[in-house]
Structure formats: C-alpha cells, structure tokens
Amino acid sequence: MATGWAGDGAVQEQIDATVKDGIARARAKLPSGPGLRHCGECDVPIPEARRRAVPGVRLCVACQSARDHDEAALAGYNRRGSKDSQLR
C-alpha cells in the first residue's frame, strides 16, 4: 500500500499508537479500591472467587456482562483502522 509522504515507519507507528490507546482505555476502566461483597446494581452476592480474581470488583457477572454489552454498542467506529477510509 502506498503511504504518500509518510515516513518509512509511519504505518507501524500508527498501529503502535492505536494499541497503546486501547490499553490505556482498558486500564482506565479497571476498578480500584476495595471491592464489594454484593453487586452495586442488583445487590446479588459476589462470590469470593470473583472478588479474589478481580480486585476492586463492584458488579456481579450478569451486571458486568450487561454493562460491557451496552458499552460495545456505543463504541465508535475506528475510521483510522477502517479499510474503507484508506481507499478514499
């Protein structure tokens, strides 16, 4: 693929920046502080194994899955990585 006036490493730099941004967004969403014994939304007990596996956990699996699904539906379209945007 022709890169026009872009430097030799520009494509890799763009890929690295996209990955770095994704990691930063994921880390920002991690819970912090003390976890809860009961879900913050539905008040269902959170199992001990989940509390050990996810420090700072605040939601049960069902509520976390629903929140993840809702956030995925609202996620923006990555035009930078879109093949269609590269063809225009």
PDB file of N, CA and C in Angstrom:
ATOM      1  N   MET A   1       0.851  -1.166   0.000  1.00  0.00           N
ATOM      2  CA  MET A   1       0.000   0.000   0.000  1.00  0.00           C
ATOM      3  C   MET A   1       0.895   1.226   0.000  1.00  0.00           C
ATOM      4  N   ALA A   2       0.616   2.164  -0.858  1.00  0.00           N
ATOM      5  CA  ALA A   2       1.378   3.401  -0.929  1.00  0.00           C
ATOM      6  C   ALA A   2       1.056   4.272   0.272  1.00  0.00           C
ATOM      7  N   THR A   3       2.081   4.896   0.848  1.00  0.00           N
ATOM      8  CA  THR A   3       1.866   5.737   2.016  1.00  0.00           C
ATOM      9  C   THR A   3       1.998   7.220   1.712  1.00  0.00           C
ATOM     10  N   GLY A   4       2.191   7.588   0.450  1.00  0.00           N
ATOM     11  CA  GLY A   4       2.303   9.005   0.109  1.00  0.00           C
ATOM     12  C   GLY A   4       3.559   9.601   0.705  1.00  0.00           C
ATOM     13  N   TRP A   5       3.429  10.703   1.429  1.00  0.00           N
ATOM     14  CA  TRP A   5       4.569  11.407   2.007  1.00  0.00           C
ATOM     15  C   TRP A   5       4.931  10.886   3.398  1.00  0.00           C
ATOM     16  N   ALA A   6       4.266   9.871   3.840  1.00  0.00           N
ATOM     17  CA  ALA A   6       4.541   9.336   5.173  1.00  0.00           C
ATOM     18  C   ALA A   6       5.922   8.699   5.222  1.00  0.00           C
ATOM     19  N   GLY A   7       6.538   8.766   6.385  1.00  0.00           N
ATOM     20  CA  GLY A   7       7.856   8.167   6.568  1.00  0.00           C
ATOM     21  C   GLY A   7       7.800   6.648   6.538  1.00  0.00           C
ATOM     22  N   ASP A   8       8.968   6.039   6.547  1.00  0.00           N
ATOM     23  CA  ASP A   8       9.058   4.581   6.443  1.00  0.00           C
ATOM     24  C   ASP A   8       8.355   3.856   7.588  1.00  0.00           C
ATOM     25  N   GLY A   9       8.427   4.376   8.795  1.00  0.00           N
ATOM     26  CA  GLY A   9       7.831   3.686   9.931  1.00  0.00           C
ATOM     27  C   GLY A   9       6.461   4.210  10.321  1.00  0.00           C
ATOM     28  N   ALA A  10       5.845   5.034   9.485  1.00  0.00           N
ATOM     29  CA  ALA A  10       4.581   5.690   9.849  1.00  0.00           C
ATOM     30  C   ALA A  10       3.449   4.694  10.085  1.00  0.00           C
ATOM     31  N   VAL A  11       3.362   3.668   9.273  1.00  0.00           N
ATOM     32  CA  VAL A  11       2.275   2.700   9.424  1.00  0.00           C
ATOM     33  C   VAL A  11       2.414   1.964  10.755  1.00  0.00           C
ATOM     34  N   GLN A  12       3.624   1.518  11.068  1.00  0.00           N
ATOM     35  CA  GLN A  12       3.853   0.827  12.336  1.00  0.00           C
ATOM     36  C   GLN A  12       3.622   1.755  13.516  1.00  0.00           C
ATOM     37  N   GLU A  13       4.003   3.017  13.385  1.00  0.00           N
ATOM     38  CA  GLU A  13       3.765   3.984  14.466  1.00  0.00           C
ATOM     39  C   GLU A  13       2.274   4.168  14.708  1.00  0.00           C
ATOM     40  N   GLN A  14       1.489   4.183  13.648  1.00  0.00           N
ATOM     41  CA  GLN A  14       0.038   4.320  13.784  1.00  0.00           C
ATOM     42  C   GLN A  14      -0.547   3.097  14.485  1.00  0.00           C
ATOM     43  N   ILE A  15      -0.084   1.931  14.109  1.00  0.00           N
ATOM     44  CA  ILE A  15      -0.551   0.695  14.747  1.00  0.00           C
ATOM     45  C   ILE A  15      -0.180   0.704  16.229  1.00  0.00           C
ATOM     46  N   ASP A  16       1.062   1.065  16.535  1.00  0.00           N
ATOM     47  CA  ASP A  16       1.510   1.113  17.935  1.00  0.00           C
ATOM     48  C   ASP A  16       0.698   2.115  18.743  1.00  0.00           C
ATOM     49  N   ALA A  17       0.396   3.278  18.166  1.00  0.00           N
ATOM     50  CA  ALA A  17      -0.393   4.292  18.869  1.00  0.00           C
ATOM     51  C   ALA A  17      -1.808   3.799  19.133  1.00  0.00           C
ATOM     52  N   THR A  18      -2.403   3.086  18.176  1.00  0.00           N
ATOM     53  CA  THR A  18      -3.750   2.555  18.348  1.00  0.00           C
ATOM     54  C   THR A  18      -3.778   1.519  19.470  1.00  0.00           C
ATOM     55  N   VAL A  19      -2.793   0.640  19.506  1.00  0.00           N
ATOM     56  CA  VAL A  19      -2.705  -0.378  20.558  1.00  0.00           C
ATOM     57  C   VAL A  19      -2.496   0.294  21.916  1.00  0.00           C
ATOM     58  N   LYS A  20      -1.597   1.287  21.974  1.00  0.00           N
ATOM     59  CA  LYS A  20      -1.325   1.991  23.226  1.00  0.00           C
ATOM     60  C   LYS A  20      -2.585   2.691  23.742  1.00  0.00           C
ATOM     61  N   ASP A  21      -3.345   3.327  22.838  1.00  0.00           N
ATOM     62  CA  ASP A  21      -4.606   3.985  23.228  1.00  0.00           C
ATOM     63  C   ASP A  21      -5.608   2.973  23.775  1.00  0.00           C
ATOM     64  N   GLY A  22      -5.701   1.810  23.123  1.00  0.00           N
ATOM     65  CA  GLY A  22      -6.626   0.763  23.571  1.00  0.00           C
ATOM     66  C   GLY A  22      -6.267   0.240  24.950  1.00  0.00           C
ATOM     67  N   ILE A  23      -4.989   0.053  25.202  1.00  0.00           N
ATOM     68  CA  ILE A  23      -4.541  -0.421  26.510  1.00  0.00           C
ATOM     69  C   ILE A  23      -4.845   0.623  27.584  1.00  0.00           C
ATOM     70  N   ALA A  24      -4.604   1.896  27.266  1.00  0.00           N
ATOM     71  CA  ALA A  24      -4.878   2.967  28.235  1.00  0.00           C
ATOM     72  C   ALA A  24      -6.368   3.042  28.559  1.00  0.00           C
ATOM     73  N   ARG A  25      -7.238   2.888  27.550  1.00  0.00           N
ATOM     74  CA  ARG A  25      -8.686   2.904  27.792  1.00  0.00           C
ATOM     75  C   ARG A  25      -9.101   1.731  28.664  1.00  0.00           C
ATOM     76  N   ALA A  26      -8.544   0.540  28.397  1.00  0.00           N
ATOM     77  CA  ALA A  26      -8.894  -0.651  29.186  1.00  0.00           C
ATOM     78  C   ALA A  26      -8.426  -0.495  30.632  1.00  0.00           C
ATOM     79  N   ARG A  27      -7.222   0.033  30.835  1.00  0.00           N
ATOM     80  CA  ARG A  27      -6.716   0.218  32.204  1.00  0.00           C
ATOM     81  C   ARG A  27      -7.533   1.247  32.968  1.00  0.00           C
ATOM     82  N   ALA A  28      -8.009   2.276  32.270  1.00  0.00           N
ATOM     83  CA  ALA A  28      -8.813   3.312  32.931  1.00  0.00           C
ATOM     84  C   ALA A  28     -10.145   2.761  33.425  1.00  0.00           C
ATOM     85  N   LYS A  29     -10.644   1.695  32.800  1.00  0.00           N
ATOM     86  CA  LYS A  29     -11.922   1.102  33.188  1.00  0.00           C
ATOM     87  C   LYS A  29     -11.792   0.078  34.315  1.00  0.00           C
ATOM     88  N   LEU A  30     -10.565  -0.305  34.670  1.00  0.00           N
ATOM     89  CA  LEU A  30     -10.376  -1.282  35.735  1.00  0.00           C
ATOM     90  C   LEU A  30     -10.848  -0.694  37.053  1.00  0.00           C
ATOM     91  N   PRO A  31     -11.535  -1.493  37.864  1.00  0.00           N
ATOM     92  CA  PRO A  31     -11.981  -0.989  39.166  1.00  0.00           C
ATOM     93  C   PRO A  31     -10.789  -0.787  40.091  1.00  0.00           C
ATOM     94  N   SER A  32     -10.946   0.140  41.019  1.00  0.00           N
ATOM     95  CA  SER A  32      -9.889   0.354  42.004  1.00  0.00           C
ATOM     96  C   SER A  32     -10.535   0.504  43.377  1.00  0.00           C
ATOM     97  N   GLY A  33      -9.720   0.384  44.391  1.00  0.00           N
ATOM     98  CA  GLY A  33     -10.237   0.484  45.752  1.00  0.00           C
ATOM     99  C   GLY A  33     -10.773  -0.845  46.233  1.00  0.00           C
ATOM    100  N   PRO A  34     -11.396  -0.829  47.392  1.00  0.00           N
ATOM    101  CA  PRO A  34     -11.920  -2.088  47.938  1.00  0.00           C
ATOM    102  C   PRO A  34     -13.121  -2.582  47.143  1.00  0.00           C
ATOM    103  N   GLY A  35     -13.187  -3.880  46.955  1.00  0.00           N
ATOM    104  CA  GLY A  35     -14.312  -4.476  46.246  1.00  0.00           C
ATOM    105  C   GLY A  35     -15.543  -4.580  47.138  1.00  0.00           C
ATOM    106  N   LEU A  36     -16.642  -4.896  46.523  1.00  0.00           N
ATOM    107  CA  LEU A  36     -17.901  -5.045  47.256  1.00  0.00           C
ATOM    108  C   LEU A  36     -18.220  -6.524  47.449  1.00  0.00           C
ATOM    109  N   ARG A  37     -18.938  -6.843  48.487  1.00  0.00           N
ATOM    110  CA  ARG A  37     -19.388  -8.217  48.719  1.00  0.00           C
ATOM    111  C   ARG A  37     -20.708  -8.485  47.991  1.00  0.00           C
ATOM    112  N   HIS A  38     -21.450  -7.426  47.695  1.00  0.00           N
ATOM    113  CA  HIS A  38     -22.714  -7.539  46.960  1.00  0.00           C
ATOM    114  C   HIS A  38     -22.659  -6.590  45.766  1.00  0.00           C
ATOM    115  N   CYS A  39     -23.278  -6.994  44.681  1.00  0.00           N
ATOM    116  CA  CYS A  39     -23.288  -6.218  43.439  1.00  0.00           C
ATOM    117  C   CYS A  39     -23.820  -4.806  43.704  1.00  0.00           C
ATOM    118  N   GLY A  40     -23.154  -3.818  43.121  1.00  0.00           N
ATOM    119  CA  GLY A  40     -23.566  -2.434  43.291  1.00  0.00           C
ATOM    120  C   GLY A  40     -24.841  -2.082  42.558  1.00  0.00           C
ATOM    121  N   GLU A  41     -25.301  -2.941  41.639  1.00  0.00           N
ATOM    122  CA  GLU A  41     -26.522  -2.653  40.890  1.00  0.00           C
ATOM    123  C   GLU A  41     -27.710  -3.508  41.317  1.00  0.00           C
ATOM    124  N   CYS A  42     -27.492  -4.812  41.497  1.00  0.00           N
ATOM    125  CA  CYS A  42     -28.628  -5.695  41.778  1.00  0.00           C
ATOM    126  C   CYS A  42     -28.583  -6.310  43.178  1.00  0.00           C
ATOM    127  N   ASP A  43     -27.533  -6.037  43.944  1.00  0.00           N
ATOM    128  CA  ASP A  43     -27.377  -6.494  45.322  1.00  0.00           C
ATOM    129  C   ASP A  43     -27.245  -8.016  45.473  1.00  0.00           C
ATOM    130  N   VAL A  44     -26.884  -8.712  44.404  1.00  0.00           N
ATOM    131  CA  VAL A  44     -26.622 -10.157  44.459  1.00  0.00           C
ATOM    132  C   VAL A  44     -25.235 -10.354  45.071  1.00  0.00           C
ATOM    133  N   PRO A  45     -25.040 -11.357  45.931  1.00  0.00           N
ATOM    134  CA  PRO A  45     -23.711 -11.594  46.499  1.00  0.00           C
ATOM    135  C   PRO A  45     -22.677 -11.901  45.404  1.00  0.00           C
ATOM    136  N   ILE A  46     -21.510 -11.319  45.544  1.00  0.00           N
ATOM    137  CA  ILE A  46     -20.404 -11.575  44.610  1.00  0.00           C
ATOM    138  C   ILE A  46     -19.564 -12.696  45.200  1.00  0.00           C
ATOM    139  N   PRO A  47     -19.370 -13.791  44.471  1.00  0.00           N
ATOM    140  CA  PRO A  47     -18.614 -14.929  45.006  1.00  0.00           C
ATOM    141  C   PRO A  47     -17.178 -14.544  45.391  1.00  0.00           C
ATOM    142  N   GLU A  48     -16.671 -15.215  46.376  1.00  0.00           N
ATOM    143  CA  GLU A  48     -15.311 -14.967  46.865  1.00  0.00           C
ATOM    144  C   GLU A  48     -14.285 -15.124  45.743  1.00  0.00           C
ATOM    145  N   ALA A  49     -14.462 -16.141  44.908  1.00  0.00           N
ATOM    146  CA  ALA A  49     -13.514 -16.373  43.811  1.00  0.00           C
ATOM    147  C   ALA A  49     -13.456 -15.171  42.871  1.00  0.00           C
ATOM    148  N   ARG A  50     -14.592 -14.565  42.583  1.00  0.00           N
ATOM    149  CA  ARG A  50     -14.606 -13.381  41.719  1.00  0.00           C
ATOM    150  C   ARG A  50     -13.930 -12.197  42.413  1.00  0.00           C
ATOM    151  N   ARG A  51     -14.158 -12.048  43.692  1.00  0.00           N
ATOM    152  CA  ARG A  51     -13.535 -10.941  44.431  1.00  0.00           C
ATOM    153  C   ARG A  51     -12.020 -11.084  44.463  1.00  0.00           C
ATOM    154  N   ARG A  52     -11.537 -12.340  44.536  1.00  0.00           N
ATOM    155  CA  ARG A  52     -10.079 -12.565  44.504  1.00  0.00           C
ATOM    156  C   ARG A  52      -9.524 -12.344  43.106  1.00  0.00           C
ATOM    157  N   ALA A  53     -10.266 -12.760  42.094  1.00  0.00           N
ATOM    158  CA  ALA A  53      -9.780 -12.664  40.715  1.00  0.00           C
ATOM    159  C   ALA A  53      -9.786 -11.230  40.185  1.00  0.00           C
ATOM    160  N   VAL A  54     -10.753 -10.422  40.644  1.00  0.00           N
ATOM    161  CA  VAL A  54     -10.902  -9.050  40.147  1.00  0.00           C
ATOM    162  C   VAL A  54     -10.858  -8.092  41.342  1.00  0.00           C
ATOM    163  N   PRO A  55      -9.655  -7.652  41.726  1.00  0.00           N
ATOM    164  CA  PRO A  55      -9.565  -6.727  42.853  1.00  0.00           C
ATOM    165  C   PRO A  55     -10.391  -5.461  42.571  1.00  0.00           C
ATOM    166  N   GLY A  56     -11.142  -5.021  43.550  1.00  0.00           N
ATOM    167  CA  GLY A  56     -11.956  -3.830  43.389  1.00  0.00           C
ATOM    168  C   GLY A  56     -13.269  -4.071  42.664  1.00  0.00           C
ATOM    169  N   VAL A  57     -13.658  -5.347  42.502  1.00  0.00           N
ATOM    170  CA  VAL A  57     -14.881  -5.680  41.774  1.00  0.00           C
ATOM    171  C   VAL A  57     -16.093  -5.047  42.447  1.00  0.00           C
ATOM    172  N   ARG A  58     -17.018  -4.532  41.634  1.00  0.00           N
ATOM    173  CA  ARG A  58     -18.205  -3.868  42.166  1.00  0.00           C
ATOM    174  C   ARG A  58     -19.499  -4.428  41.577  1.00  0.00           C
ATOM    175  N   LEU A  59     -19.379  -5.268  40.545  1.00  0.00           N
ATOM    176  CA  LEU A  59     -20.566  -5.803  39.875  1.00  0.00           C
ATOM    177  C   LEU A  59     -20.500  -7.320  39.785  1.00  0.00           C
ATOM    178  N   CYS A  60     -21.679  -7.960  39.808  1.00  0.00           N
ATOM    179  CA  CYS A  60     -21.740  -9.403  39.575  1.00  0.00           C
ATOM    180  C   CYS A  60     -21.485  -9.660  38.089  1.00  0.00           C
ATOM    181  N   VAL A  61     -21.310 -10.911  37.727  1.00  0.00           N
ATOM    182  CA  VAL A  61     -21.010 -11.258  36.344  1.00  0.00           C
ATOM    183  C   VAL A  61     -22.133 -10.817  35.410  1.00  0.00           C
ATOM    184  N   ALA A  62     -23.387 -11.036  35.802  1.00  0.00           N
ATOM    185  CA  ALA A  62     -24.518 -10.678  34.932  1.00  0.00           C
ATOM    186  C   ALA A  62     -24.572  -9.170  34.686  1.00  0.00           C
ATOM    187  N   CYS A  63     -24.429  -8.374  35.726  1.00  0.00           N
ATOM    188  CA  CYS A  63     -24.477  -6.914  35.567  1.00  0.00           C
ATOM    189  C   CYS A  63     -23.265  -6.410  34.779  1.00  0.00           C
ATOM    190  N   GLN A  64     -22.075  -7.000  35.022  1.00  0.00           N
ATOM    191  CA  GLN A  64     -20.890  -6.596  34.276  1.00  0.00           C
ATOM    192  C   GLN A  64     -21.043  -6.940  32.802  1.00  0.00           C
ATOM    193  N   SER A  65     -21.602  -8.113  32.500  1.00  0.00           N
ATOM    194  CA  SER A  65     -21.826  -8.505  31.107  1.00  0.00           C
ATOM    195  C   SER A  65     -22.796  -7.553  30.419  1.00  0.00           C
ATOM    196  N   ALA A  66     -23.856  -7.178  31.117  1.00  0.00           N
ATOM    197  CA  ALA A  66     -24.824  -6.236  30.543  1.00  0.00           C
ATOM    198  C   ALA A  66     -24.171  -4.884  30.287  1.00  0.00           C
ATOM    199  N   ARG A  67     -23.354  -4.418  31.216  1.00  0.00           N
ATOM    200  CA  ARG A  67     -22.672  -3.128  31.032  1.00  0.00           C
ATOM    201  C   ARG A  67     -21.687  -3.200  29.863  1.00  0.00           C
ATOM    202  N   ASP A  68     -20.935  -4.299  29.762  1.00  0.00           N
ATOM    203  CA  ASP A  68     -19.998  -4.462  28.647  1.00  0.00           C
ATOM    204  C   ASP A  68     -20.732  -4.466  27.315  1.00  0.00           C
ATOM    205  N   HIS A  69     -21.886  -5.125  27.271  1.00  0.00           N
ATOM    206  CA  HIS A  69     -22.675  -5.178  26.044  1.00  0.00           C
ATOM    207  C   HIS A  69     -23.154  -3.785  25.650  1.00  0.00           C
ATOM    208  N   ASP A  70     -23.621  -3.028  26.632  1.00  0.00           N
ATOM    209  CA  ASP A  70     -24.095  -1.666  26.365  1.00  0.00           C
ATOM    210  C   ASP A  70     -22.963  -0.770  25.875  1.00  0.00           C
ATOM    211  N   GLU A  71     -21.784  -0.893  26.474  1.00  0.00           N
ATOM    212  CA  GLU A  71     -20.640  -0.077  26.071  1.00  0.00           C
ATOM    213  C   GLU A  71     -20.162  -0.456  24.669  1.00  0.00           C
ATOM    214  N   ALA A  72     -20.236  -1.732  24.330  1.00  0.00           N
ATOM    215  CA  ALA A  72     -19.822  -2.161  22.995  1.00  0.00           C
ATOM    216  C   ALA A  72     -20.752  -1.588  21.927  1.00  0.00           C
ATOM    217  N   ALA A  73     -22.038  -1.484  22.255  1.00  0.00           N
ATOM    218  CA  ALA A  73     -22.996  -0.937  21.303  1.00  0.00           C
ATOM    219  C   ALA A  73     -22.751   0.549  21.071  1.00  0.00           C
ATOM    220  N   LEU A  74     -22.187   1.236  22.063  1.00  0.00           N
ATOM    221  CA  LEU A  74     -21.939   2.671  21.949  1.00  0.00           C
ATOM    222  C   LEU A  74     -20.540   3.000  21.435  1.00  0.00           C
ATOM    223  N   ALA A  75     -19.715   1.980  21.279  1.00  0.00           N
ATOM    224  CA  ALA A  75     -18.332   2.217  20.857  1.00  0.00           C
ATOM    225  C   ALA A  75     -18.305   2.812  19.457  1.00  0.00           C
ATOM    226  N   GLY A  76     -17.404   3.747  19.268  1.00  0.00           N
ATOM    227  CA  GLY A  76     -17.271   4.403  17.968  1.00  0.00           C
ATOM    228  C   GLY A  76     -16.617   3.503  16.935  1.00  0.00           C
ATOM    229  N   TYR A  77     -16.798   3.842  15.707  1.00  0.00           N
ATOM    230  CA  TYR A  77     -16.208   3.118  14.595  1.00  0.00           C
ATOM    231  C   TYR A  77     -14.801   3.642  14.391  1.00  0.00           C
ATOM    232  N   ASN A  78     -13.815   2.769  14.345  1.00  0.00           N
ATOM    233  CA  ASN A  78     -12.422   3.170  14.204  1.00  0.00           C
ATOM    234  C   ASN A  78     -12.118   3.476  12.747  1.00  0.00           C
ATOM    235  N   ARG A  79     -12.270   4.734  12.354  1.00  0.00           N
ATOM    236  CA  ARG A  79     -12.017   5.121  10.966  1.00  0.00           C
ATOM    237  C   ARG A  79     -10.541   5.007  10.636  1.00  0.00           C
ATOM    238  N   ARG A  80      -9.674   5.175  11.633  1.00  0.00           N
ATOM    239  CA  ARG A  80      -8.233   5.073  11.362  1.00  0.00           C
ATOM    240  C   ARG A  80      -7.870   3.693  10.836  1.00  0.00           C
ATOM    241  N   GLY A  81      -8.505   2.675  11.394  1.00  0.00           N
ATOM    242  CA  GLY A  81      -8.179   1.314  11.006  1.00  0.00           C
ATOM    243  C   GLY A  81      -9.109   0.749   9.952  1.00  0.00           C
ATOM    244  N   SER A  82     -10.049   1.545   9.464  1.00  0.00           N
ATOM    245  CA  SER A  82     -11.024   1.061   8.501  1.00  0.00           C
ATOM    246  C   SER A  82     -10.422   0.979   7.102  1.00  0.00           C
ATOM    247  N   LYS A  83     -10.583  -0.162   6.479  1.00  0.00           N
ATOM    248  CA  LYS A  83     -10.082  -0.323   5.124  1.00  0.00           C
ATOM    249  C   LYS A  83     -10.794   0.638   4.179  1.00  0.00           C
ATOM    250  N   ASP A  84     -12.084   0.865   4.417  1.00  0.00           N
ATOM    251  CA  ASP A  84     -12.858   1.766   3.570  1.00  0.00           C
ATOM    252  C   ASP A  84     -12.276   3.181   3.616  1.00  0.00           C
ATOM    253  N   SER A  85     -11.864   3.655   4.805  1.00  0.00           N
ATOM    254  CA  SER A  85     -11.338   5.017   4.909  1.00  0.00           C
ATOM    255  C   SER A  85      -9.973   5.131   4.212  1.00  0.00           C
ATOM    256  N   GLN A  86      -9.253   4.033   4.104  1.00  0.00           N
ATOM    257  CA  GLN A  86      -7.957   4.072   3.434  1.00  0.00           C
ATOM    258  C   GLN A  86      -8.115   4.149   1.917  1.00  0.00           C
ATOM    259  N   LEU A  87      -9.263   3.747   1.398  1.00  0.00           N
ATOM    260  CA  LEU A  87      -9.490   3.746  -0.041  1.00  0.00           C
ATOM    261  C   LEU A  87      -9.971   5.097  -0.537  1.00  0.00           C
ATOM    262  N   ARG A  88     -10.404   5.985   0.346  1.00  0.00           N
ATOM    263  CA  ARG A  88     -10.926   7.296  -0.083  1.00  0.00           C
ATOM    264  C   ARG A  88      -9.862   8.323  -0.223  1.00  0.00           C
TER     265      ARG A  88
END
